[in-house]
N, C-alpha and C. Protein backbone atom coordinates (compact mmCIF):
# COMPACT_ATOMS: atom_id res chain seq x y z
N MET A 1 41.48 5.93 -53.56
CA MET A 1 39.91 6.44 -52.87
C MET A 1 39.10 5.69 -53.32
N ARG A 2 38.80 5.00 -53.69
CA ARG A 2 37.49 3.69 -53.97
C ARG A 2 37.85 2.81 -53.09
N LYS A 3 39.11 2.54 -52.76
CA LYS A 3 39.63 1.28 -52.06
C LYS A 3 39.24 1.87 -50.44
N LEU A 4 39.11 3.07 -50.72
CA LEU A 4 39.22 3.97 -49.14
C LEU A 4 38.20 3.69 -48.10
N ALA A 5 37.24 3.97 -49.74
CA ALA A 5 35.68 3.77 -49.77
C ALA A 5 34.96 3.28 -49.70
N SER A 6 35.27 1.76 -50.44
CA SER A 6 35.23 0.55 -49.87
C SER A 6 35.32 0.02 -48.54
N LEU A 7 36.22 0.18 -48.30
CA LEU A 7 36.27 -0.26 -46.78
C LEU A 7 36.29 0.07 -45.63
N LEU A 8 35.90 1.68 -46.18
CA LEU A 8 35.59 2.26 -44.81
C LEU A 8 33.55 1.70 -44.87
N PHE A 9 32.88 1.65 -46.19
CA PHE A 9 31.44 0.49 -46.07
C PHE A 9 31.77 -0.62 -45.72
N ILE A 10 32.46 -1.25 -45.65
CA ILE A 10 32.18 -2.50 -45.26
C ILE A 10 32.82 -2.69 -43.28
N MET A 11 33.72 -1.51 -43.29
CA MET A 11 33.60 -1.43 -41.96
C MET A 11 32.37 -0.66 -40.57
N CYS A 12 31.47 -0.05 -41.94
CA CYS A 12 30.70 0.93 -41.50
C CYS A 12 29.11 -0.60 -41.32
N PHE A 13 29.79 -1.36 -41.96
CA PHE A 13 28.44 -2.19 -42.33
C PHE A 13 29.00 -3.31 -41.15
N LEU A 14 30.15 -3.93 -40.64
CA LEU A 14 30.22 -4.43 -39.72
C LEU A 14 29.84 -4.30 -38.22
N VAL A 15 30.15 -3.06 -37.55
CA VAL A 15 29.89 -2.45 -36.86
C VAL A 15 28.97 -1.13 -36.70
N GLY A 16 28.50 -1.20 -38.00
CA GLY A 16 26.90 -0.31 -37.96
C GLY A 16 27.68 0.97 -37.97
N CYS A 17 26.94 1.61 -38.78
CA CYS A 17 27.30 2.98 -38.92
C CYS A 17 26.62 4.06 -37.84
N THR A 18 25.36 3.45 -37.30
CA THR A 18 24.00 4.09 -36.79
C THR A 18 24.19 3.65 -35.48
N ALA A 19 24.30 4.44 -34.12
CA ALA A 19 24.08 3.13 -33.25
C ALA A 19 22.37 3.02 -32.96
N GLU A 20 22.36 2.16 -32.50
CA GLU A 20 20.50 1.48 -32.19
C GLU A 20 20.99 2.39 -30.38
N PRO A 21 19.81 2.83 -30.90
CA PRO A 21 19.24 3.88 -29.42
C PRO A 21 19.02 2.28 -28.49
N SER A 22 19.74 2.68 -27.15
CA SER A 22 19.63 1.23 -26.45
C SER A 22 18.22 1.23 -25.59
N SER A 23 17.67 0.31 -25.72
CA SER A 23 16.21 -0.10 -24.96
C SER A 23 16.47 0.35 -23.17
N LYS A 24 15.14 1.11 -23.25
CA LYS A 24 15.37 1.61 -21.56
C LYS A 24 14.18 0.62 -21.01
N VAL A 25 14.85 0.15 -19.98
CA VAL A 25 14.02 -0.58 -18.96
C VAL A 25 12.67 -0.27 -18.05
N LYS A 26 11.92 -0.09 -18.31
CA LYS A 26 10.69 0.26 -18.10
C LYS A 26 10.67 0.02 -16.62
N PRO A 27 10.13 1.11 -15.63
CA PRO A 27 10.27 1.29 -14.71
C PRO A 27 9.67 0.28 -13.64
N THR A 28 9.34 -0.20 -12.62
CA THR A 28 8.64 -0.82 -12.02
C THR A 28 7.27 -0.49 -11.70
N THR A 29 6.09 -0.91 -11.76
CA THR A 29 5.27 0.23 -11.63
C THR A 29 3.89 -0.68 -10.45
N ILE A 30 3.22 -0.15 -9.23
CA ILE A 30 2.31 -1.37 -9.28
C ILE A 30 1.07 -0.88 -9.41
N LYS A 31 -0.24 -1.30 -9.39
CA LYS A 31 -1.28 -1.19 -9.33
C LYS A 31 -2.60 -1.09 -8.53
N LEU A 32 -3.17 -0.22 -7.30
CA LEU A 32 -3.76 -0.50 -6.18
C LEU A 32 -5.18 -0.46 -6.86
N THR A 33 -6.27 -1.32 -6.45
CA THR A 33 -7.32 -1.72 -6.60
C THR A 33 -8.50 -1.66 -5.69
N PRO A 34 -9.36 -1.20 -5.30
CA PRO A 34 -9.76 -1.20 -4.01
C PRO A 34 -10.45 -2.55 -4.16
N VAL A 35 -11.11 -3.01 -3.08
CA VAL A 35 -11.98 -4.43 -3.09
C VAL A 35 -13.28 -4.06 -2.13
N ASP A 36 -14.28 -4.48 -2.19
CA ASP A 36 -14.91 -4.27 -1.63
C ASP A 36 -15.80 -4.93 -1.01
N LEU A 37 -15.74 -5.27 0.44
CA LEU A 37 -15.02 -6.32 1.16
C LEU A 37 -16.69 -7.11 1.50
N PHE A 38 -17.68 -6.25 1.52
CA PHE A 38 -18.75 -6.74 2.25
C PHE A 38 -19.63 -7.20 0.54
N GLN A 39 -19.37 -7.04 -0.30
CA GLN A 39 -20.16 -6.68 -1.54
C GLN A 39 -20.38 -8.17 -1.54
N GLY A 40 -21.98 -8.35 -1.88
CA GLY A 40 -22.92 -9.40 -2.22
C GLY A 40 -22.97 -10.65 -0.68
N SER A 41 -22.42 -11.39 -1.41
CA SER A 41 -22.33 -12.57 -0.42
C SER A 41 -21.47 -12.29 0.98
N GLY A 42 -20.44 -11.67 1.04
CA GLY A 42 -19.45 -10.71 1.57
C GLY A 42 -20.55 -9.98 3.13
N GLU A 43 -21.17 -10.15 3.06
CA GLU A 43 -21.56 -9.08 3.94
C GLU A 43 -21.93 -9.79 4.92
N LYS A 44 -22.18 -11.12 4.97
CA LYS A 44 -21.51 -12.36 6.08
C LYS A 44 -20.72 -11.97 6.83
N PHE A 45 -19.41 -11.44 6.34
CA PHE A 45 -18.46 -11.31 6.90
C PHE A 45 -17.99 -9.99 7.84
N LYS A 46 -19.59 -9.10 7.68
CA LYS A 46 -18.70 -7.27 8.50
C LYS A 46 -19.05 -8.17 9.90
N PRO A 47 -19.52 -8.59 10.41
CA PRO A 47 -20.12 -8.84 11.84
C PRO A 47 -18.58 -9.48 13.33
N PHE A 48 -18.13 -10.06 11.56
CA PHE A 48 -16.25 -10.21 12.32
C PHE A 48 -15.51 -9.75 12.09
N LEU A 49 -15.40 -8.82 11.04
CA LEU A 49 -14.27 -7.81 11.22
C LEU A 49 -14.45 -6.32 10.99
N GLY A 50 -15.82 -6.25 11.67
CA GLY A 50 -16.17 -4.67 12.11
C GLY A 50 -16.52 -3.31 10.99
N PRO A 51 -16.96 -2.48 11.62
CA PRO A 51 -17.42 -1.36 9.77
C PRO A 51 -16.09 -0.77 9.82
N MET A 52 -15.21 -0.84 10.23
CA MET A 52 -14.13 -0.02 9.93
C MET A 52 -13.08 -0.92 9.24
N SER A 53 -13.19 -1.27 8.43
CA SER A 53 -12.98 -2.55 7.73
C SER A 53 -12.28 -2.37 6.42
N GLY A 54 -11.66 -2.75 5.85
CA GLY A 54 -10.99 -2.48 4.49
C GLY A 54 -10.46 -3.39 3.42
N ALA A 55 -10.35 -3.17 2.06
CA ALA A 55 -9.47 -4.01 1.40
C ALA A 55 -9.21 -3.58 -0.17
N PHE A 56 -7.50 -3.77 -0.26
CA PHE A 56 -7.47 -3.88 -1.46
C PHE A 56 -6.53 -4.26 -1.91
N LYS A 57 -5.62 -4.68 -3.16
CA LYS A 57 -4.88 -5.55 -4.26
C LYS A 57 -4.22 -4.81 -4.99
N LEU A 58 -3.30 -5.50 -4.93
CA LEU A 58 -1.59 -4.61 -5.36
C LEU A 58 -0.99 -5.66 -6.01
N ARG A 59 -0.49 -5.25 -7.62
CA ARG A 59 -0.05 -5.98 -8.59
C ARG A 59 0.60 -5.00 -9.24
N TYR A 60 2.24 -5.84 -8.89
CA TYR A 60 2.81 -5.79 -9.40
C TYR A 60 3.76 -5.83 -11.28
N ALA A 61 4.65 -4.38 -12.19
CA ALA A 61 4.56 -5.02 -13.43
C ALA A 61 6.39 -4.64 -13.76
N GLY A 62 6.73 -5.14 -13.76
CA GLY A 62 8.29 -5.51 -13.95
C GLY A 62 8.71 -6.35 -13.19
N ASN A 63 10.35 -5.37 -12.23
CA ASN A 63 11.31 -6.93 -11.83
C ASN A 63 10.12 -6.61 -10.18
N LYS A 64 10.07 -7.65 -9.37
CA LYS A 64 10.15 -7.29 -8.23
C LYS A 64 9.85 -6.82 -7.38
N PRO A 65 9.12 -5.78 -6.46
CA PRO A 65 9.59 -5.25 -5.62
C PRO A 65 9.57 -5.59 -4.39
N ASN A 66 10.30 -5.33 -3.38
CA ASN A 66 10.41 -4.88 -2.05
C ASN A 66 9.63 -4.10 -1.17
N VAL A 67 8.41 -4.90 -1.06
CA VAL A 67 7.81 -3.43 -0.63
C VAL A 67 6.97 -3.55 1.01
N ARG A 68 7.54 -2.45 1.52
CA ARG A 68 6.14 -2.52 3.45
C ARG A 68 5.85 -1.73 3.07
N ILE A 69 4.88 -2.29 3.96
CA ILE A 69 3.81 -1.13 4.75
C ILE A 69 3.75 -1.03 6.18
N ASP A 70 3.64 0.21 6.52
CA ASP A 70 4.34 0.57 7.77
C ASP A 70 2.74 1.21 8.43
N ILE A 71 2.69 1.33 9.85
CA ILE A 71 1.32 1.41 10.31
C ILE A 71 1.58 2.96 11.24
N ASP A 72 1.64 3.98 10.84
CA ASP A 72 1.77 5.25 11.64
C ASP A 72 0.58 5.90 12.22
N ILE A 73 0.93 6.76 13.63
CA ILE A 73 -0.20 7.34 14.28
C ILE A 73 0.50 9.42 14.37
N TRP A 74 -1.07 9.35 13.14
CA TRP A 74 -1.13 10.78 13.30
C TRP A 74 -1.55 11.81 14.08
N GLU A 75 -1.09 12.97 14.72
CA GLU A 75 -1.43 13.62 15.46
C GLU A 75 -1.89 15.34 15.36
N ASN A 76 -2.83 15.79 14.70
CA ASN A 76 -2.90 17.10 14.44
C ASN A 76 -1.95 17.21 13.18
N GLY A 77 -2.51 16.65 12.38
CA GLY A 77 -1.83 16.62 10.84
C GLY A 77 -0.11 16.13 10.60
N LYS A 78 0.53 15.55 11.78
CA LYS A 78 1.71 15.22 11.58
C LYS A 78 2.36 13.70 11.99
N LYS A 79 2.75 13.15 11.05
CA LYS A 79 3.05 11.65 11.75
C LYS A 79 3.87 12.03 13.13
N VAL A 80 3.18 10.76 14.22
CA VAL A 80 3.58 11.14 15.59
C VAL A 80 4.85 9.76 16.10
N SER A 81 4.11 9.04 15.42
CA SER A 81 5.34 7.44 15.52
C SER A 81 4.57 6.00 14.80
N ASN A 82 6.05 5.35 15.03
CA ASN A 82 5.21 4.18 14.13
C ASN A 82 4.69 3.14 15.23
N ALA A 83 3.12 2.51 14.74
CA ALA A 83 2.73 1.31 15.17
C ALA A 83 3.27 0.07 14.68
N GLY A 84 4.16 -0.09 13.84
CA GLY A 84 4.35 -1.57 13.25
C GLY A 84 4.20 -1.12 11.90
N SER A 85 5.32 -2.68 11.44
CA SER A 85 5.43 -2.75 9.68
C SER A 85 5.16 -3.80 9.41
N ILE A 86 4.89 -4.15 8.22
CA ILE A 86 5.52 -5.74 7.54
C ILE A 86 6.59 -5.31 6.44
N GLY A 87 7.22 -5.98 6.03
CA GLY A 87 8.02 -6.16 5.42
C GLY A 87 7.53 -7.21 4.05
N ASP A 88 8.88 -6.80 3.01
CA ASP A 88 8.04 -8.06 1.39
C ASP A 88 7.16 -8.28 1.45
N LEU A 89 6.03 -7.27 1.14
CA LEU A 89 4.72 -7.84 0.91
C LEU A 89 4.56 -9.16 -0.19
N PHE A 90 5.27 -9.07 -1.35
CA PHE A 90 5.24 -10.17 -2.28
C PHE A 90 5.89 -11.26 -1.95
N PHE A 91 6.20 -11.58 -1.22
CA PHE A 91 7.48 -12.67 -0.74
C PHE A 91 6.71 -13.99 -0.81
N SER A 92 7.54 -14.76 -0.98
CA SER A 92 6.89 -16.40 -1.85
C SER A 92 8.18 -17.49 -1.68
N THR A 93 7.91 -18.26 -0.62
CA THR A 93 8.74 -19.68 -0.57
C THR A 93 8.86 -20.10 -1.43
N ASP A 94 7.82 -20.06 -2.64
CA ASP A 94 8.00 -20.69 -4.18
C ASP A 94 7.60 -20.26 -5.46
N GLU A 95 9.53 -19.76 -5.60
CA GLU A 95 8.99 -18.65 -7.31
C GLU A 95 8.32 -19.00 -8.06
N GLN A 96 8.22 -20.57 -8.53
CA GLN A 96 7.17 -20.86 -9.72
C GLN A 96 6.33 -20.73 -9.22
N ILE A 97 5.32 -20.25 -7.74
CA ILE A 97 3.97 -20.41 -8.33
C ILE A 97 4.06 -18.72 -7.24
N ALA A 98 5.15 -18.20 -7.37
CA ALA A 98 4.57 -16.87 -7.00
C ALA A 98 4.25 -16.15 -7.58
N SER A 99 3.32 -15.05 -7.25
CA SER A 99 2.24 -13.99 -7.93
C SER A 99 2.97 -12.76 -7.52
N ASP A 100 2.00 -11.87 -8.89
CA ASP A 100 2.89 -10.25 -9.03
C ASP A 100 1.96 -10.23 -8.71
N GLU A 101 0.04 -10.49 -7.83
CA GLU A 101 -0.70 -9.69 -7.37
C GLU A 101 -1.14 -10.34 -6.04
N ILE A 102 -1.46 -9.38 -4.64
CA ILE A 102 -1.80 -9.90 -3.98
C ILE A 102 -2.88 -9.05 -2.76
N GLU A 103 -3.41 -9.29 -2.54
CA GLU A 103 -4.82 -8.95 -1.42
C GLU A 103 -3.88 -8.85 -0.23
N ILE A 104 -4.85 -7.34 0.45
CA ILE A 104 -4.37 -6.79 2.15
C ILE A 104 -5.82 -6.57 2.43
N ILE A 105 -6.35 -7.15 3.45
CA ILE A 105 -7.63 -6.93 3.98
C ILE A 105 -6.98 -6.44 5.65
N ILE A 106 -7.65 -5.33 6.23
CA ILE A 106 -7.35 -4.47 7.31
C ILE A 106 -8.57 -4.53 8.00
N SER A 107 -8.87 -4.69 9.46
CA SER A 107 -9.54 -4.24 9.73
C SER A 107 -9.26 -3.47 11.43
N ILE A 108 -9.87 -2.52 12.35
CA ILE A 108 -9.23 -1.82 12.99
C ILE A 108 -10.77 -1.76 14.45
N ASN A 109 -10.51 -2.18 15.13
CA ASN A 109 -11.68 -2.50 15.80
C ASN A 109 -10.75 -2.16 17.81
N THR A 110 -11.67 -1.68 18.55
CA THR A 110 -11.87 -0.96 19.43
C THR A 110 -12.01 -2.39 20.67
N VAL A 111 -10.74 -2.04 20.93
CA VAL A 111 -11.47 -2.98 22.59
C VAL A 111 -10.36 -2.54 23.82
N SER A 112 -11.64 -2.90 25.24
CA SER A 112 -11.60 -2.06 26.22
C SER A 112 -10.70 -3.25 27.24
N LEU A 113 -9.67 -3.18 28.22
CA LEU A 113 -10.05 -4.07 29.43
C LEU A 113 -10.40 -3.71 30.14
N GLN A 114 -9.79 -4.26 31.11
CA GLN A 114 -10.50 -4.29 32.71
C GLN A 114 -10.63 -3.46 33.45
N ASN A 115 -9.12 -2.56 32.96
CA ASN A 115 -8.65 -1.02 33.71
C ASN A 115 -8.88 -0.02 33.01
N ASP A 116 -9.80 -0.24 32.26
CA ASP A 116 -10.31 0.76 31.46
C ASP A 116 -9.49 1.49 30.69
N GLU A 117 -8.40 1.12 29.95
CA GLU A 117 -7.26 1.28 29.46
C GLU A 117 -7.76 0.61 28.49
N ILE A 118 -8.36 0.97 26.93
CA ILE A 118 -8.47 0.94 25.95
C ILE A 118 -7.43 1.46 24.16
N PHE A 119 -7.28 0.57 23.58
CA PHE A 119 -6.49 0.05 22.36
C PHE A 119 -7.07 -0.02 21.29
N LYS A 120 -6.74 -0.01 20.16
CA LYS A 120 -6.78 -0.49 18.96
C LYS A 120 -6.59 -1.08 18.74
N GLN A 121 -7.09 -2.56 17.85
CA GLN A 121 -6.28 -3.75 17.16
C GLN A 121 -6.53 -3.61 15.64
N VAL A 122 -5.37 -3.65 15.53
CA VAL A 122 -5.38 -3.69 14.27
C VAL A 122 -4.64 -5.14 13.43
N LYS A 123 -5.97 -5.55 12.64
CA LYS A 123 -5.48 -7.37 11.97
C LYS A 123 -4.87 -6.83 10.52
N LEU A 124 -4.07 -7.55 9.96
CA LEU A 124 -3.86 -7.24 8.62
C LEU A 124 -3.73 -8.81 8.01
N ASN A 125 -4.21 -8.69 7.01
CA ASN A 125 -4.08 -10.15 6.37
C ASN A 125 -3.46 -10.28 4.86
N VAL A 126 -2.73 -10.48 4.46
CA VAL A 126 -2.14 -10.87 3.43
C VAL A 126 -2.53 -11.83 2.30
N ARG A 127 -3.26 -12.24 1.79
CA ARG A 127 -3.61 -12.63 0.69
C ARG A 127 -2.86 -13.46 -0.65
N HIS A 128 -2.18 -14.08 -0.82
CA HIS A 128 -1.57 -14.18 -2.57
C HIS A 128 -1.76 -15.71 -2.63
N ASP A 129 -1.21 -16.44 -3.65
CA ASP A 129 -1.19 -17.12 -4.21
C ASP A 129 -1.30 -19.08 -2.92
N SER A 130 -0.29 -18.44 -2.56
CA SER A 130 0.44 -19.64 -1.54
C SER A 130 -0.06 -20.14 -0.47
N GLY A 131 -1.39 -18.79 -0.16
CA GLY A 131 -1.71 -18.44 0.80
C GLY A 131 -2.19 -17.45 1.84
N HIS A 132 -2.20 -17.98 2.83
CA HIS A 132 -2.27 -15.90 3.33
C HIS A 132 -1.46 -15.95 4.42
N SER A 133 -1.38 -14.56 5.30
CA SER A 133 -0.47 -14.14 6.53
C SER A 133 -1.30 -13.36 7.15
N VAL A 134 -1.46 -13.78 8.37
CA VAL A 134 -2.39 -12.53 9.49
C VAL A 134 -1.81 -11.87 10.35
N TYR A 135 -1.65 -10.69 10.39
CA TYR A 135 -0.90 -9.94 11.52
C TYR A 135 -2.25 -9.51 12.61
N THR A 136 -1.15 -9.67 13.39
CA THR A 136 -1.83 -8.02 14.74
C THR A 136 -1.00 -7.32 15.42
N PHE A 137 -1.55 -5.92 15.30
CA PHE A 137 -0.81 -5.06 16.22
C PHE A 137 -1.77 -3.88 16.99
N THR A 138 -1.69 -3.59 17.78
CA THR A 138 -2.02 -2.75 18.61
C THR A 138 -1.62 -1.56 19.02
N VAL A 139 -2.62 -0.59 19.24
CA VAL A 139 -2.55 0.73 19.23
C VAL A 139 -3.54 1.72 20.11
N PRO A 140 -1.87 2.10 21.15
CA PRO A 140 -2.94 2.51 22.14
C PRO A 140 -4.15 3.97 21.66
N TRP A 141 -5.06 4.25 22.28
CA TRP A 141 -5.77 4.95 22.10
C TRP A 141 -6.58 5.73 22.99
N ASP A 142 -6.95 7.25 22.98
CA ASP A 142 -7.92 7.42 24.41
C ASP A 142 -9.13 7.78 23.76
N GLU A 143 -9.91 7.31 24.89
CA GLU A 143 -11.17 7.19 24.60
C GLU A 143 -12.31 8.55 24.22
N LYS A 144 -11.48 9.75 24.34
CA LYS A 144 -12.41 11.31 24.21
C LYS A 144 -12.18 11.28 22.27
N TYR A 145 -11.05 10.28 21.50
CA TYR A 145 -11.82 10.01 19.94
C TYR A 145 -12.92 8.99 19.52
N GLY A 146 -14.10 9.92 20.14
CA GLY A 146 -15.40 9.13 19.44
C GLY A 146 -15.34 9.11 17.98
N PRO A 147 -15.76 10.11 17.38
CA PRO A 147 -16.83 9.59 16.44
C PRO A 147 -15.33 9.33 15.17
N GLN A 148 -15.82 8.70 14.07
CA GLN A 148 -14.24 7.49 13.62
C GLN A 148 -14.63 7.97 12.31
N GLY A 149 -13.39 8.06 11.07
CA GLY A 149 -13.94 7.09 9.52
C GLY A 149 -13.41 6.65 9.08
N LEU A 150 -13.09 5.73 8.11
CA LEU A 150 -12.29 5.23 7.01
C LEU A 150 -11.87 6.22 6.21
N LEU A 151 -10.91 5.97 5.92
CA LEU A 151 -9.98 6.91 4.65
C LEU A 151 -9.45 5.48 3.74
N GLN A 152 -9.92 5.39 2.62
CA GLN A 152 -9.75 5.02 1.95
C GLN A 152 -9.50 4.83 -0.15
N HIS A 153 -9.10 4.59 -0.61
CA HIS A 153 -9.64 4.61 -2.21
C HIS A 153 -10.69 4.28 -2.98
N SER A 154 -10.89 4.82 -3.44
CA SER A 154 -12.34 4.45 -4.57
C SER A 154 -12.18 3.91 -5.44
N ARG A 155 -10.95 4.90 -6.31
CA ARG A 155 -10.50 4.07 -7.79
C ARG A 155 -9.47 3.40 -8.12
N PRO A 156 -9.16 2.41 -9.32
CA PRO A 156 -7.95 1.85 -9.17
C PRO A 156 -6.92 3.21 -8.75
N MET A 157 -4.95 2.63 -8.95
CA MET A 157 -4.43 3.89 -9.22
C MET A 157 -3.58 3.50 -9.98
N THR A 158 -1.97 3.96 -9.96
CA THR A 158 -1.05 3.17 -10.58
C THR A 158 -0.23 4.07 -10.68
N PHE A 159 0.84 3.91 -9.98
CA PHE A 159 2.34 5.08 -9.40
C PHE A 159 3.63 3.92 -9.34
N GLN A 160 4.28 4.22 -9.64
CA GLN A 160 5.89 3.92 -9.54
C GLN A 160 6.19 3.35 -8.09
N ALA A 161 7.30 2.57 -8.61
CA ALA A 161 7.59 1.82 -7.19
C ALA A 161 7.90 2.16 -6.35
N SER A 162 9.11 3.25 -6.96
CA SER A 162 10.18 4.38 -5.82
C SER A 162 9.17 5.23 -4.72
N GLU A 163 7.99 5.69 -5.57
CA GLU A 163 7.13 6.50 -4.72
C GLU A 163 6.51 5.38 -3.04
N SER A 164 6.83 6.37 -2.56
CA SER A 164 5.78 5.90 -0.92
C SER A 164 3.99 6.01 -1.28
N ILE A 165 3.32 5.60 -0.84
CA ILE A 165 1.73 6.02 -1.01
C ILE A 165 1.43 5.84 0.22
N HIS A 166 0.38 6.50 0.72
CA HIS A 166 -0.96 6.12 1.58
C HIS A 166 -1.92 5.68 1.45
N VAL A 167 -2.87 4.20 2.15
CA VAL A 167 -3.02 2.84 0.73
C VAL A 167 -4.64 3.15 1.66
N PHE A 168 -4.45 3.50 3.33
CA PHE A 168 -5.46 3.22 4.14
C PHE A 168 -5.61 4.06 5.07
N GLY A 169 -6.59 4.05 6.08
CA GLY A 169 -6.29 4.65 7.12
C GLY A 169 -7.92 4.56 7.95
N LEU A 170 -7.76 5.45 8.97
CA LEU A 170 -9.03 5.91 10.00
C LEU A 170 -8.35 7.23 10.96
N HIS A 171 -9.33 8.25 10.31
CA HIS A 171 -9.45 9.60 11.46
C HIS A 171 -9.89 9.61 12.21
N ALA A 172 -10.41 10.26 13.36
CA ALA A 172 -10.84 10.37 14.09
C ALA A 172 -11.07 11.62 15.04
N THR A 173 -11.51 12.08 15.71
CA THR A 173 -11.41 13.40 16.13
C THR A 173 -12.24 13.38 17.62
N SER A 174 -12.23 14.73 18.51
CA SER A 174 -12.71 14.28 20.21
C SER A 174 -13.59 15.20 19.70
N THR A 175 -13.74 16.18 19.07
CA THR A 175 -15.42 17.22 18.97
C THR A 175 -16.84 15.70 18.86
N ASN A 176 -18.04 16.81 18.16
CA ASN A 176 -18.93 16.41 17.89
C ASN A 176 -19.11 16.30 16.31
N GLY A 177 -18.43 16.61 16.02
CA GLY A 177 -18.65 16.61 14.09
C GLY A 177 -17.19 16.27 13.95
N ILE A 178 -17.65 15.12 12.54
CA ILE A 178 -16.42 14.59 11.62
C ILE A 178 -16.70 15.51 10.81
N ARG A 179 -15.13 15.78 9.92
CA ARG A 179 -15.43 15.84 8.56
C ARG A 179 -14.70 15.08 7.76
N THR A 180 -15.03 14.87 6.29
CA THR A 180 -14.76 13.87 5.29
C THR A 180 -13.37 14.22 4.71
N GLY A 181 -12.78 13.07 4.34
CA GLY A 181 -11.65 13.66 4.09
C GLY A 181 -10.94 12.97 3.32
N ASP A 182 -9.65 12.38 2.46
CA ASP A 182 -9.09 11.42 1.95
C ASP A 182 -7.66 11.12 2.64
N LEU A 183 -7.36 10.25 1.60
CA LEU A 183 -5.95 10.53 2.42
C LEU A 183 -4.39 11.31 1.57
N SER A 184 -4.92 12.40 0.88
CA SER A 184 -3.63 13.37 0.48
C SER A 184 -3.33 13.96 1.35
N PRO A 185 -2.34 14.36 1.07
CA PRO A 185 -1.84 15.57 2.12
C PRO A 185 -2.14 16.30 2.64
N GLU A 186 -3.26 17.10 1.83
CA GLU A 186 -3.81 18.42 2.48
C GLU A 186 -5.25 17.65 3.71
N SER A 187 -5.94 16.64 3.21
CA SER A 187 -6.65 16.69 4.03
C SER A 187 -5.79 15.53 5.21
N LEU A 188 -4.63 15.31 4.91
CA LEU A 188 -4.04 14.78 6.08
C LEU A 188 -3.72 15.68 7.38
N ALA A 189 -3.15 16.93 7.02
CA ALA A 189 -3.17 18.31 7.47
C ALA A 189 -4.27 18.31 8.42
N ARG A 190 -5.02 18.23 7.95
CA ARG A 190 -6.17 18.55 8.90
C ARG A 190 -6.75 17.75 9.82
N PHE A 191 -6.47 16.39 10.05
CA PHE A 191 -6.57 15.43 10.61
C PHE A 191 -6.38 15.58 12.52
N GLU A 192 -7.03 15.29 13.40
CA GLU A 192 -7.12 15.07 14.55
C GLU A 192 -5.83 14.26 15.21
N LYS A 193 -6.41 13.06 14.91
CA LYS A 193 -5.87 12.06 14.79
C LYS A 193 -6.05 10.89 14.24
N ALA A 194 -4.94 9.99 13.80
CA ALA A 194 -5.45 9.29 12.60
C ALA A 194 -4.07 7.83 13.09
N ILE A 195 -4.94 6.86 12.26
CA ILE A 195 -4.08 5.71 11.85
C ILE A 195 -3.89 5.43 9.81
N ILE A 196 -2.59 5.56 10.16
CA ILE A 196 -2.10 5.47 8.62
C ILE A 196 -1.21 5.09 8.45
N PHE A 197 -1.80 4.03 7.08
CA PHE A 197 -1.60 2.51 6.80
C PHE A 197 -0.57 3.48 5.00
N THR A 198 0.76 3.22 4.61
CA THR A 198 1.89 3.73 4.31
C THR A 198 2.87 2.54 3.67
N LEU A 199 2.92 2.56 1.93
CA LEU A 199 3.47 1.67 1.19
C LEU A 199 4.56 2.50 0.70
N HIS A 200 6.22 1.22 1.92
CA HIS A 200 7.34 1.98 0.87
C HIS A 200 7.68 1.10 0.09
N VAL A 201 8.74 1.66 -0.81
CA VAL A 201 9.74 0.65 -1.64
C VAL A 201 10.96 0.83 -1.33
N GLU A 202 11.53 -0.84 -0.45
CA GLU A 202 12.62 -0.78 0.22
C GLU A 202 13.62 -0.58 -1.23
N PRO A 203 15.39 -0.39 -1.62
CA PRO A 203 16.02 -0.19 -2.15
C PRO A 203 16.23 -2.12 -2.31
């Protein structure tokens, strides 16, 4: 009996009688930090970027996510179309100098053509350690949507990389009065017209 007990003790010692809890891999998170474009000396860039401009930084923790940003058109509280998208925001041709942080600058300006056609010109600049990339999109626009305002986060926020998050936007109305709002679903549902920028993580 003693030999059996000793044998069991040795086996437990070798293989481990109590299983070690498996360490869970922490999910990738993304932190958004608002940036004041025109603070201090940055005020000199306002005439070039226009008042309907903003910026924010994105930093991930964990495995590098494949993140894209969609530019969507909303009417009467609902998404009606897509005006463009940019994929793989954290892409870098040189992994040795690849950064876990990027800065996104967005500028939205109204452009009028000679035939009285009006559209919004959206410029989006993605800045990272190895350089920057600039993208331009055009969004058809009706001149009846006069009063307009920006939608952007005022405080840093952290979210799971599996979530879709509204990160920036412009809303407008055809009436003389415009209401305040933010990027929450409740607020978006009240907007007559809007251009909304949304982050998605590709699988």
